[in-house]
C-alpha cells in the first residue's frame, strides 16, 4: 500500500440508540463525539439508525410476504393478461 493516502484505521464504537446497543470494532469512520467504553478507554462514537439488535430480520419480527396472495390480488385488480 502507498503510504499517506489511506485513512486512519482504528477502534470506533457504533451505537444503535433505538435498541440501546453498542459495539466496539475497528473502522476508518471518525466522529467528533466520544464515549467511554466499559474498560474506561475513550473512543469515537458513530450513531447508526439500525443494527443487528434492531433489524427485523435479526430480531425475528420480520413479516413474511405472501407472494401468491400478491399475484392473485394483482390478477383480480388488473385481470389476467391476454396473449397477443
Protein backbone atom coordinates (compact mmCIF):
# COMPACT_ATOMS: atom_id res chain seq x y z
CA UNK A 1 0.00 0.00 0.00
CA UNK A 2 1.16 3.54 -0.69
CA UNK A 3 1.95 5.42 2.50
CA UNK A 4 0.00 8.58 3.31
CA UNK A 5 -3.07 8.03 1.09
CA UNK A 6 -5.18 5.74 3.30
CA UNK A 7 -7.46 6.93 6.11
CA UNK A 8 -6.61 6.08 9.71
CA UNK A 9 -7.94 2.68 10.79
CA UNK A 10 -8.69 2.41 14.49
CA UNK A 11 -11.18 1.49 17.19
CA UNK A 12 -14.67 3.03 16.91
CA UNK A 13 -17.88 2.43 18.87
CA UNK A 14 -21.03 2.01 16.77
CA UNK A 15 -24.17 2.78 18.80
CA UNK A 16 -27.80 1.96 17.97
CA UNK A 17 -29.78 4.23 20.28
CA UNK A 18 -33.13 2.68 19.32
CA UNK A 19 -32.07 -0.71 20.68
CA UNK A 20 -29.74 0.62 23.39
CA UNK A 21 -26.94 -1.44 21.86
CA UNK A 22 -23.31 -0.58 21.12
CA UNK A 23 -20.28 -2.49 19.94
CA UNK A 24 -16.60 -1.73 19.66
CA UNK A 25 -14.85 -2.53 16.40
CA UNK A 26 -12.23 -1.11 14.08
CA UNK A 27 -13.15 1.21 11.22
CA UNK A 28 -11.96 4.14 9.12
CA UNK A 29 -15.03 6.16 10.18
CA UNK A 30 -14.42 9.05 12.53
CA UNK A 31 -16.56 11.24 14.75
CA UNK A 32 -16.17 14.35 16.88
CA UNK A 33 -18.22 12.74 19.64
CA UNK A 34 -16.65 10.26 22.03
CA UNK A 35 -17.84 7.70 24.55
CA UNK A 36 -16.15 5.98 27.45
CA UNK A 37 -16.22 2.24 26.89
CA UNK A 38 -16.70 -0.47 29.55
CA UNK A 39 -13.00 -0.77 30.38
CA UNK A 40 -12.52 3.01 30.78
CA UNK A 41 -10.93 3.96 27.44
CA UNK A 42 -12.47 6.72 25.33
CA UNK A 43 -13.34 6.06 21.69
CA UNK A 44 -15.10 7.98 18.89
CA UNK A 45 -18.78 7.02 18.65
CA UNK A 46 -20.87 6.74 15.46
CA UNK A 47 -24.65 6.60 15.87
CA UNK A 48 -26.41 4.27 13.42
CA UNK A 49 -30.08 4.03 12.51
CA UNK A 50 -30.29 0.26 12.58
CA UNK A 51 -28.12 -2.63 13.72
CA UNK A 52 -28.46 -6.36 14.28
CA UNK A 53 -30.14 -5.57 17.61
CA UNK A 54 -32.98 -3.62 15.98
CA UNK A 55 -33.28 -5.02 12.43
CA UNK A 56 -36.44 -7.13 11.99
CA UNK A 57 -34.57 -9.92 10.21
CA UNK A 58 -32.22 -10.50 13.14
CA UNK A 59 -34.80 -9.91 15.89
CA UNK A 60 -37.31 -12.39 14.46
CA UNK A 61 -40.07 -9.83 13.91
CA UNK A 62 -39.79 -9.88 10.11
CA UNK A 63 -43.01 -10.35 8.21
CA UNK A 64 -43.15 -12.98 5.52
CA UNK A 65 -44.70 -11.65 2.33
CA UNK A 66 -47.37 -13.82 0.77
CA UNK A 67 -46.26 -13.76 -2.86
CA UNK A 68 -49.09 -15.99 -4.05
CA UNK A 69 -51.61 -13.64 -2.45
CA UNK A 70 -49.97 -10.65 -4.08
CA UNK A 71 -50.16 -12.27 -7.53
CA UNK A 72 -53.82 -13.14 -7.01
CA UNK A 73 -54.57 -9.60 -5.85
CA UNK A 74 -52.82 -8.21 -8.95
CA UNK A 75 -54.82 -10.50 -11.23
CA UNK A 76 -58.08 -9.51 -9.53
CA UNK A 77 -57.27 -5.84 -9.85
CA UNK A 78 -55.98 -5.80 -13.44
CA UNK A 79 -57.34 -9.03 -14.85
CA UNK A 80 -55.44 -11.87 -16.37
CA UNK A 81 -53.19 -10.77 -19.24
CA UNK A 82 -54.45 -11.77 -22.70
CA UNK A 83 -51.98 -13.34 -25.13
CA UNK A 84 -51.49 -11.03 -28.12
